[in-house]
Amino acid sequence: MKRMRVLFLAEESMSKVAGELYSSGLIEVMKCSEGVMGLLSTVFVYDPHAVVIAAGSGSKTDDKEVMPMIAALKKTRKRLKVFLVAMGTFKTDVPLPEGVSIIRHFSTRQTAEEILIKMYTDEDLSGTLSFGSSVGEEVYAVLEELGITAKYSGQPYMVDALKALLGGEINPGCSLSKSVYPMIAEKYKISPENAARSIRRTIVRSWANIDPDIKNKYFGILYDGRKNPGNREYLMIVYDKLKRIEM
């Protein structure tokens, strides 16, 4: 059974529900910054299967702003599933778009279980239709374990670079300046130099906060206490680990 990506609009009222879903082992839970723009940008980066938004008393999203937020989400990803968790006295007179489910929040466990059941009984999610390849899911999972999340500007560039390497679009023997950076520059309308700098900053900042056990798992004991690897060294080590996962 495949793991599904669920994105939560980050707020305290939903943190326990997210924890319950994560403990199931079937859900890969992500959080995003509050507000429409933060939500939309995170959806663009992670391409989740579903988004969970809480509204009503007890949440930070009021009844009036939740429907425009959902409309913006559905415009970005028409087939995205949205779970609207109704907190307290939530009400709306606006018809819900297709693919939006209202869940009344009575308890943390009950809410998590209802989301889980709806996701795995939904034909679009559990059937043959896919929202992303297993390769992409593995890349996101590995980078997240390494502390490289959507808060870093270089994260989507690293995701694309690793997917291109794994898919055979880029030869691992080529220099990054002749392969990866031009590819990223063309897609994101930036310069190759900016792509290189952004990846570099992401590696430097995440390396400073990475758990020593995770560092050793991916980079080996020789990297214990060492300065972070360079862009090419880092990407190739992660690429090699991902190739082994595929095998």
C-alpha atoms as a PDB file:
ATOM      1  CA  MET A   1       0.000   0.000   0.000  1.00  0.00           C
ATOM      2  CA  LYS A   2       1.527   3.297  -1.070  1.00  0.00           C
ATOM      3  CA  ARG A   3       2.197   6.116   1.362  1.00  0.00           C
ATOM      4  CA  MET A   4       0.322   9.321   0.657  1.00  0.00           C
ATOM      5  CA  ARG A   5       1.434  12.880   1.185  1.00  0.00           C
ATOM      6  CA  VAL A   6      -0.862  15.018   3.329  1.00  0.00           C
ATOM      7  CA  LEU A   7      -0.188  18.719   3.762  1.00  0.00           C
ATOM      8  CA  PHE A   8      -1.483  20.531   6.851  1.00  0.00           C
ATOM      9  CA  LEU A   9      -1.995  24.246   7.114  1.00  0.00           C
ATOM     10  CA  ALA A  10       0.343  24.699  10.057  1.00  0.00           C
ATOM     11  CA  GLU A  11      -1.431  25.535  13.296  1.00  0.00           C
ATOM     12  CA  GLU A  12      -1.572  24.095  16.792  1.00  0.00           C
ATOM     13  CA  SER A  13      -5.158  22.828  16.527  1.00  0.00           C
ATOM     14  CA  MET A  14      -4.132  20.306  13.867  1.00  0.00           C
ATOM     15  CA  SER A  15      -0.731  19.201  15.166  1.00  0.00           C
ATOM     16  CA  LYS A  16      -2.120  16.256  17.140  1.00  0.00           C
ATOM     17  CA  VAL A  17      -4.201  15.091  14.175  1.00  0.00           C
ATOM     18  CA  ALA A  18      -1.073  15.240  12.007  1.00  0.00           C
ATOM     19  CA  GLY A  19       0.772  13.203  14.639  1.00  0.00           C
ATOM     20  CA  GLU A  20      -1.945  10.533  14.637  1.00  0.00           C
ATOM     21  CA  LEU A  21      -1.786  10.242  10.848  1.00  0.00           C
ATOM     22  CA  TYR A  22       2.011  10.056  10.864  1.00  0.00           C
ATOM     23  CA  SER A  23       1.968   7.256  13.455  1.00  0.00           C
ATOM     24  CA  SER A  24      -0.183   5.150  11.116  1.00  0.00           C
ATOM     25  CA  GLY A  25       2.854   4.626   8.891  1.00  0.00           C
ATOM     26  CA  LEU A  26       0.647   5.154   5.819  1.00  0.00           C
ATOM     27  CA  ILE A  27       0.824   8.927   5.674  1.00  0.00           C
ATOM     28  CA  GLU A  28       3.735  11.245   4.993  1.00  0.00           C
ATOM     29  CA  VAL A  29       2.800  14.407   6.875  1.00  0.00           C
ATOM     30  CA  MET A  30       4.012  17.866   5.893  1.00  0.00           C
ATOM     31  CA  LYS A  31       3.254  21.306   7.251  1.00  0.00           C
ATOM     32  CA  CYS A  32       3.278  24.678   5.568  1.00  0.00           C
ATOM     33  CA  SER A  33       3.306  28.276   6.658  1.00  0.00           C
ATOM     34  CA  GLU A  34       0.000  29.958   7.334  1.00  0.00           C
ATOM     35  CA  GLY A  35      -1.833  31.969   4.708  1.00  0.00           C
ATOM     36  CA  VAL A  36      -2.896  31.377   1.125  1.00  0.00           C
ATOM     37  CA  MET A  37       0.457  32.145  -0.504  1.00  0.00           C
ATOM     38  CA  GLY A  38       2.380  29.935   1.895  1.00  0.00           C
ATOM     39  CA  LEU A  39      -0.077  27.122   1.265  1.00  0.00           C
ATOM     40  CA  LEU A  40      -0.007  27.478  -2.516  1.00  0.00           C
ATOM     41  CA  SER A  41       3.788  27.608  -2.719  1.00  0.00           C
ATOM     42  CA  THR A  42       4.115  24.491  -0.547  1.00  0.00           C
ATOM     43  CA  VAL A  43       1.538  22.631  -2.655  1.00  0.00           C
ATOM     44  CA  PHE A  44       3.550  23.546  -5.755  1.00  0.00           C
ATOM     45  CA  VAL A  45       6.756  22.146  -4.249  1.00  0.00           C
ATOM     46  CA  TYR A  46       5.427  18.963  -2.614  1.00  0.00           C
ATOM     47  CA  ASP A  47       2.499  18.091  -4.921  1.00  0.00           C
ATOM     48  CA  PRO A  48       0.609  16.383  -2.056  1.00  0.00           C
ATOM     49  CA  HIS A  49      -2.292  13.970  -2.448  1.00  0.00           C
ATOM     50  CA  ALA A  50      -4.412  15.953   0.009  1.00  0.00           C
ATOM     51  CA  VAL A  51      -4.487  19.161   2.036  1.00  0.00           C
ATOM     52  CA  VAL A  52      -6.040  19.530   5.496  1.00  0.00           C
ATOM     53  CA  ILE A  53      -7.409  22.910   6.567  1.00  0.00           C
ATOM     54  CA  ALA A  54      -9.116  23.653   9.885  1.00  0.00           C
ATOM     55  CA  ALA A  55     -11.737  26.398  10.065  1.00  0.00           C
ATOM     56  CA  GLY A  56     -14.156  27.762  12.633  1.00  0.00           C
ATOM     57  CA  SER A  57     -13.751  28.564  16.307  1.00  0.00           C
ATOM     58  CA  GLY A  58     -10.600  26.985  17.681  1.00  0.00           C
ATOM     59  CA  SER A  59      -8.610  27.543  14.490  1.00  0.00           C
ATOM     60  CA  LYS A  60      -6.774  30.462  12.920  1.00  0.00           C
ATOM     61  CA  THR A  61      -8.774  30.267   9.674  1.00  0.00           C
ATOM     62  CA  ASP A  62     -12.206  31.867   9.902  1.00  0.00           C
ATOM     63  CA  ASP A  63     -15.311  30.841   7.972  1.00  0.00           C
ATOM     64  CA  LYS A  64     -15.103  33.693   5.448  1.00  0.00           C
ATOM     65  CA  GLU A  65     -11.538  33.158   4.274  1.00  0.00           C
ATOM     66  CA  VAL A  66     -11.556  29.361   4.007  1.00  0.00           C
ATOM     67  CA  MET A  67     -13.618  29.100   0.805  1.00  0.00           C
ATOM     68  CA  PRO A  68     -11.412  31.527  -1.212  1.00  0.00           C
ATOM     69  CA  MET A  69      -8.427  29.542   0.059  1.00  0.00           C
ATOM     70  CA  ILE A  70      -9.954  26.271  -1.157  1.00  0.00           C
ATOM     71  CA  ALA A  71     -10.875  27.852  -4.494  1.00  0.00           C
ATOM     72  CA  ALA A  72      -7.260  28.959  -4.955  1.00  0.00           C
ATOM     73  CA  LEU A  73      -6.030  25.451  -4.122  1.00  0.00           C
ATOM     74  CA  LYS A  74      -8.406  23.783  -6.556  1.00  0.00           C
ATOM     75  CA  LYS A  75      -7.381  26.211  -9.280  1.00  0.00           C
ATOM     76  CA  THR A  76      -3.759  25.215  -8.719  1.00  0.00           C
ATOM     77  CA  ARG A  77      -4.431  21.450  -8.529  1.00  0.00           C
ATOM     78  CA  LYS A  78      -7.899  20.503  -9.783  1.00  0.00           C
ATOM     79  CA  ARG A  79      -7.662  16.902  -8.574  1.00  0.00           C
ATOM     80  CA  LEU A  80      -6.216  17.792  -5.191  1.00  0.00           C
ATOM     81  CA  LYS A  81      -8.269  16.395  -2.303  1.00  0.00           C
ATOM     82  CA  VAL A  82      -9.090  18.915   0.418  1.00  0.00           C
ATOM     83  CA  PHE A  83     -10.244  18.006   3.910  1.00  0.00           C
ATOM     84  CA  LEU A  84     -11.969  20.864   5.683  1.00  0.00           C
ATOM     85  CA  VAL A  85     -11.942  20.131   9.406  1.00  0.00           C
ATOM     86  CA  ALA A  86     -14.852  22.018  10.944  1.00  0.00           C
ATOM     87  CA  MET A  87     -13.839  23.263  14.381  1.00  0.00           C
ATOM     88  CA  GLY A  88     -16.514  24.412  16.815  1.00  0.00           C
ATOM     89  CA  THR A  89     -19.168  26.572  15.176  1.00  0.00           C
ATOM     90  CA  PHE A  90     -18.011  26.456  11.570  1.00  0.00           C
ATOM     91  CA  LYS A  91     -20.568  27.287   8.898  1.00  0.00           C
ATOM     92  CA  THR A  92     -20.567  28.346   5.254  1.00  0.00           C
ATOM     93  CA  ASP A  93     -23.247  29.187   2.697  1.00  0.00           C
ATOM     94  CA  VAL A  94     -20.894  28.620  -0.227  1.00  0.00           C
ATOM     95  CA  PRO A  95     -21.207  25.243  -2.047  1.00  0.00           C
ATOM     96  CA  LEU A  96     -18.169  23.029  -1.647  1.00  0.00           C
ATOM     97  CA  PRO A  97     -16.176  22.323  -4.820  1.00  0.00           C
ATOM     98  CA  GLU A  98     -15.772  18.735  -6.001  1.00  0.00           C
ATOM     99  CA  GLY A  99     -13.064  16.897  -4.106  1.00  0.00           C
ATOM    100  CA  VAL A 100     -13.638  18.756  -0.814  1.00  0.00           C
ATOM    101  CA  SER A 101     -14.805  16.845   2.266  1.00  0.00           C
ATOM    102  CA  ILE A 102     -16.020  18.354   5.533  1.00  0.00           C
ATOM    103  CA  ILE A 103     -15.018  16.507   8.676  1.00  0.00           C
ATOM    104  CA  ARG A 104     -16.540  17.559  11.980  1.00  0.00           C
ATOM    105  CA  HIS A 105     -13.862  17.658  14.643  1.00  0.00           C
ATOM    106  CA  PHE A 106     -14.915  15.812  17.778  1.00  0.00           C
ATOM    107  CA  SER A 107     -11.635  14.166  18.786  1.00  0.00           C
ATOM    108  CA  THR A 108      -8.069  13.976  17.489  1.00  0.00           C
ATOM    109  CA  ARG A 109      -8.164  10.222  16.854  1.00  0.00           C
ATOM    110  CA  GLN A 110     -11.587  10.289  15.207  1.00  0.00           C
ATOM    111  CA  THR A 111     -10.578  13.102  12.847  1.00  0.00           C
ATOM    112  CA  ALA A 112      -7.348  11.327  11.866  1.00  0.00           C
ATOM    113  CA  GLU A 113      -9.147   8.030  11.308  1.00  0.00           C
ATOM    114  CA  GLU A 114     -11.803   9.649   9.111  1.00  0.00           C
ATOM    115  CA  ILE A 115      -9.156  11.351   6.948  1.00  0.00           C
ATOM    116  CA  LEU A 116      -7.247   8.072   6.651  1.00  0.00           C
ATOM    117  CA  ILE A 117     -10.350   6.077   5.684  1.00  0.00           C
ATOM    118  CA  LYS A 118     -11.483   8.639   3.112  1.00  0.00           C
ATOM    119  CA  MET A 119      -8.034   8.732   1.506  1.00  0.00           C
ATOM    120  CA  TYR A 120      -7.665   4.985   1.148  1.00  0.00           C
ATOM    121  CA  THR A 121     -11.216   4.404  -0.096  1.00  0.00           C
ATOM    122  CA  ASP A 122     -11.069   7.193  -2.670  1.00  0.00           C
ATOM    123  CA  GLU A 123     -10.821   5.721  -6.174  1.00  0.00           C
ATOM    124  CA  ASP A 124      -8.679   8.579  -7.474  1.00  0.00           C
ATOM    125  CA  LEU A 125      -6.142   8.073  -4.688  1.00  0.00           C
ATOM    126  CA  SER A 126      -6.113   4.318  -4.125  1.00  0.00           C
ATOM    127  CA  GLY A 127      -6.740   3.233  -7.731  1.00  0.00           C
ATOM    128  CA  THR A 128      -4.539   3.301 -10.782  1.00  0.00           C
ATOM    129  CA  LEU A 129      -4.454   7.103 -10.991  1.00  0.00           C
ATOM    130  CA  SER A 130      -1.248   8.496  -9.547  1.00  0.00           C
ATOM    131  CA  PHE A 131      -0.305  11.947  -8.298  1.00  0.00           C
ATOM    132  CA  GLY A 132       3.442  11.401  -8.567  1.00  0.00           C
ATOM    133  CA  SER A 133       5.979   8.689  -9.237  1.00  0.00           C
ATOM    134  CA  SER A 134       7.487   6.570  -6.484  1.00  0.00           C
ATOM    135  CA  VAL A 135      10.863   8.022  -7.522  1.00  0.00           C
ATOM    136  CA  GLY A 136       9.646  11.529  -6.703  1.00  0.00           C
ATOM    137  CA  GLU A 137       8.235  10.351  -3.373  1.00  0.00           C
ATOM    138  CA  GLU A 138      11.561   8.749  -2.435  1.00  0.00           C
ATOM    139  CA  VAL A 139      13.473  11.924  -3.337  1.00  0.00           C
ATOM    140  CA  TYR A 140      11.226  14.082  -1.144  1.00  0.00           C
ATOM    141  CA  ALA A 141      11.395  11.568   1.712  1.00  0.00           C
ATOM    142  CA  VAL A 142      15.205  11.348   1.659  1.00  0.00           C
ATOM    143  CA  LEU A 143      15.709  15.122   1.469  1.00  0.00           C
ATOM    144  CA  GLU A 144      13.212  15.662   4.278  1.00  0.00           C
ATOM    145  CA  GLU A 145      15.123  13.166   6.435  1.00  0.00           C
ATOM    146  CA  LEU A 146      18.251  15.198   5.703  1.00  0.00           C
ATOM    147  CA  GLY A 147      16.445  18.319   6.928  1.00  0.00           C
ATOM    148  CA  ILE A 148      15.989  19.810   3.459  1.00  0.00           C
ATOM    149  CA  THR A 149      12.371  20.929   3.397  1.00  0.00           C
ATOM    150  CA  ALA A 150      10.323  23.529   1.529  1.00  0.00           C
ATOM    151  CA  LYS A 151      11.614  26.280   3.808  1.00  0.00           C
ATOM    152  CA  TYR A 152      14.864  26.218   1.827  1.00  0.00           C
ATOM    153  CA  SER A 153      14.815  27.916  -1.577  1.00  0.00           C
ATOM    154  CA  GLY A 154      17.192  25.314  -3.012  1.00  0.00           C
ATOM    155  CA  GLN A 155      14.978  22.348  -2.120  1.00  0.00           C
ATOM    156  CA  PRO A 156      12.947  22.233  -5.360  1.00  0.00           C
ATOM    157  CA  TYR A 157      16.169  22.612  -7.369  1.00  0.00           C
ATOM    158  CA  MET A 158      17.710  19.635  -5.563  1.00  0.00           C
ATOM    159  CA  VAL A 159      14.542  17.592  -6.076  1.00  0.00           C
ATOM    160  CA  ASP A 160      14.617  18.263  -9.824  1.00  0.00           C
ATOM    161  CA  ALA A 161      18.340  17.528 -10.041  1.00  0.00           C
ATOM    162  CA  LEU A 162      17.996  14.165  -8.278  1.00  0.00           C
ATOM    163  CA  LYS A 163      14.923  13.155 -10.296  1.00  0.00           C
ATOM    164  CA  ALA A 164      16.760  14.007 -13.526  1.00  0.00           C
ATOM    165  CA  LEU A 165      19.768  11.948 -12.433  1.00  0.00           C
ATOM    166  CA  LEU A 166      17.615   8.979 -11.422  1.00  0.00           C
ATOM    167  CA  GLY A 167      15.569   9.202 -14.614  1.00  0.00           C
ATOM    168  CA  GLY A 168      18.658   9.178 -16.804  1.00  0.00           C
ATOM    169  CA  GLU A 169      17.999  12.684 -18.144  1.00  0.00           C
ATOM    170  CA  ILE A 170      21.362  13.820 -16.787  1.00  0.00           C
ATOM    171  CA  ASN A 171      24.560  11.791 -16.848  1.00  0.00           C
ATOM    172  CA  PRO A 172      26.098  11.581 -13.335  1.00  0.00           C
ATOM    173  CA  GLY A 173      29.506  12.048 -14.928  1.00  0.00           C
ATOM    174  CA  CYS A 174      28.659  15.494 -16.316  1.00  0.00           C
ATOM    175  CA  SER A 175      29.628  18.616 -14.415  1.00  0.00           C
ATOM    176  CA  LEU A 176      26.785  20.391 -12.654  1.00  0.00           C
ATOM    177  CA  SER A 177      27.608  23.643 -14.416  1.00  0.00           C
ATOM    178  CA  LYS A 178      26.978  21.986 -17.803  1.00  0.00           C
ATOM    179  CA  SER A 179      23.947  19.891 -16.842  1.00  0.00           C
ATOM    180  CA  VAL A 180      22.063  20.502 -13.599  1.00  0.00           C
ATOM    181  CA  TYR A 181      22.381  24.275 -13.251  1.00  0.00           C
ATOM    182  CA  PRO A 182      21.311  25.096 -16.841  1.00  0.00           C
ATOM    183  CA  MET A 183      18.335  22.709 -16.494  1.00  0.00           C
ATOM    184  CA  ILE A 184      17.191  24.426 -13.273  1.00  0.00           C
ATOM    185  CA  ALA A 185      17.839  27.895 -14.711  1.00  0.00           C
ATOM    186  CA  GLU A 186      15.639  27.188 -17.738  1.00  0.00           C
ATOM    187  CA  LYS A 187      12.771  25.761 -15.670  1.00  0.00           C
ATOM    188  CA  TYR A 188      12.706  28.434 -12.959  1.00  0.00           C
ATOM    189  CA  LYS A 189      13.774  31.409 -15.084  1.00  0.00           C
ATOM    190  CA  ILE A 190      16.872  32.168 -13.037  1.00  0.00           C
ATOM    191  CA  SER A 191      20.578  32.212 -13.839  1.00  0.00           C
ATOM    192  CA  PRO A 192      22.697  29.025 -13.489  1.00  0.00           C
ATOM    193  CA  GLU A 193      24.794  30.925 -10.937  1.00  0.00           C
ATOM    194  CA  ASN A 194      21.716  31.611  -8.792  1.00  0.00           C
ATOM    195  CA  ALA A 195      20.746  27.934  -8.980  1.00  0.00           C
ATOM    196  CA  ALA A 196      24.214  26.911  -7.782  1.00  0.00           C
ATOM    197  CA  ARG A 197      24.230  29.459  -4.931  1.00  0.00           C
ATOM    198  CA  SER A 198      20.752  28.475  -3.751  1.00  0.00           C
ATOM    199  CA  ILE A 199      21.659  24.784  -3.617  1.00  0.00           C
ATOM    200  CA  ARG A 200      24.891  25.659  -1.837  1.00  0.00           C
ATOM    201  CA  ARG A 201      23.107  27.731   0.846  1.00  0.00           C
ATOM    202  CA  THR A 202      20.560  24.978   1.356  1.00  0.00           C
ATOM    203  CA  ILE A 203      23.265  22.376   1.910  1.00  0.00           C
ATOM    204  CA  VAL A 204      25.249  24.618   4.281  1.00  0.00           C
ATOM    205  CA  ARG A 205      22.249  25.556   6.438  1.00  0.00           C
ATOM    206  CA  SER A 206      20.723  22.092   6.620  1.00  0.00           C
ATOM    207  CA  TRP A 207      24.120  20.492   7.342  1.00  0.00           C
ATOM    208  CA  ALA A 208      24.493  22.603  10.470  1.00  0.00           C
ATOM    209  CA  ASN A 209      21.223  21.219  11.889  1.00  0.00           C
ATOM    210  CA  ILE A 210      21.263  17.626  10.687  1.00  0.00           C
ATOM    211  CA  ASP A 211      21.031  14.825  13.257  1.00  0.00           C
ATOM    212  CA  PRO A 212      24.472  13.120  13.595  1.00  0.00           C
ATOM    213  CA  ASP A 213      22.933   9.664  13.114  1.00  0.00           C
ATOM    214  CA  ILE A 214      21.240  10.738   9.888  1.00  0.00           C
ATOM    215  CA  LYS A 215      24.479  12.355   8.711  1.00  0.00           C
ATOM    216  CA  ASN A 216      26.331   9.101   9.355  1.00  0.00           C
ATOM    217  CA  LYS A 217      23.585   7.059   7.647  1.00  0.00           C
ATOM    218  CA  TYR A 218      23.955   8.921   4.373  1.00  0.00           C
ATOM    219  CA  PHE A 219      27.481  10.279   4.403  1.00  0.00           C
ATOM    220  CA  GLY A 220      29.395   7.844   6.607  1.00  0.00           C
ATOM    221  CA  ILE A 221      31.539   8.200   9.662  1.00  0.00           C
ATOM    222  CA  LEU A 222      34.230  10.052   7.665  1.00  0.00           C
ATOM    223  CA  TYR A 223      31.935  13.075   7.550  1.00  0.00           C
ATOM    224  CA  ASP A 224      31.528  13.261  11.328  1.00  0.00           C
ATOM    225  CA  GLY A 225      32.575  16.761  12.365  1.00  0.00           C
ATOM    226  CA  ARG A 226      33.565  17.680   8.826  1.00  0.00           C
ATOM    227  CA  LYS A 227      32.547  20.739   6.899  1.00  0.00           C
ATOM    228  CA  ASN A 228      29.570  20.131   4.631  1.00  0.00           C
ATOM    229  CA  PRO A 229      30.215  18.540   1.218  1.00  0.00           C
ATOM    230  CA  GLY A 230      30.126  20.660  -1.912  1.00  0.00           C
ATOM    231  CA  ASN A 231      27.128  20.678  -4.240  1.00  0.00           C
ATOM    232  CA  ARG A 232      28.321  17.890  -6.521  1.00  0.00           C
ATOM    233  CA  GLU A 233      29.609  15.689  -3.713  1.00  0.00           C
ATOM    234  CA  TYR A 234      26.365  16.076  -1.758  1.00  0.00           C
ATOM    235  CA  LEU A 235      24.050  15.406  -4.699  1.00  0.00           C
ATOM    236  CA  MET A 236      26.036  12.398  -5.907  1.00  0.00           C
ATOM    237  CA  ILE A 237      26.089  10.775  -2.471  1.00  0.00           C
ATOM    238  CA  VAL A 238      22.319  11.229  -2.128  1.00  0.00           C
ATOM    239  CA  TYR A 239      21.847  10.035  -5.726  1.00  0.00           C
ATOM    240  CA  ASP A 240      23.815   6.868  -4.961  1.00  0.00           C
ATOM    241  CA  LYS A 241      21.675   6.171  -1.877  1.00  0.00           C
ATOM    242  CA  LEU A 242      18.491   6.661  -3.888  1.00  0.00           C
ATOM    243  CA  LYS A 243      19.738   4.320  -6.626  1.00  0.00           C
ATOM    244  CA  ARG A 244      20.208   1.627  -3.991  1.00  0.00           C
ATOM    245  CA  ILE A 245      16.675   2.210  -2.689  1.00  0.00           C
ATOM    246  CA  GLU A 246      15.364   1.688  -6.246  1.00  0.00           C
ATOM    247  CA  MET A 247      17.312  -1.569  -6.556  1.00  0.00           C
END
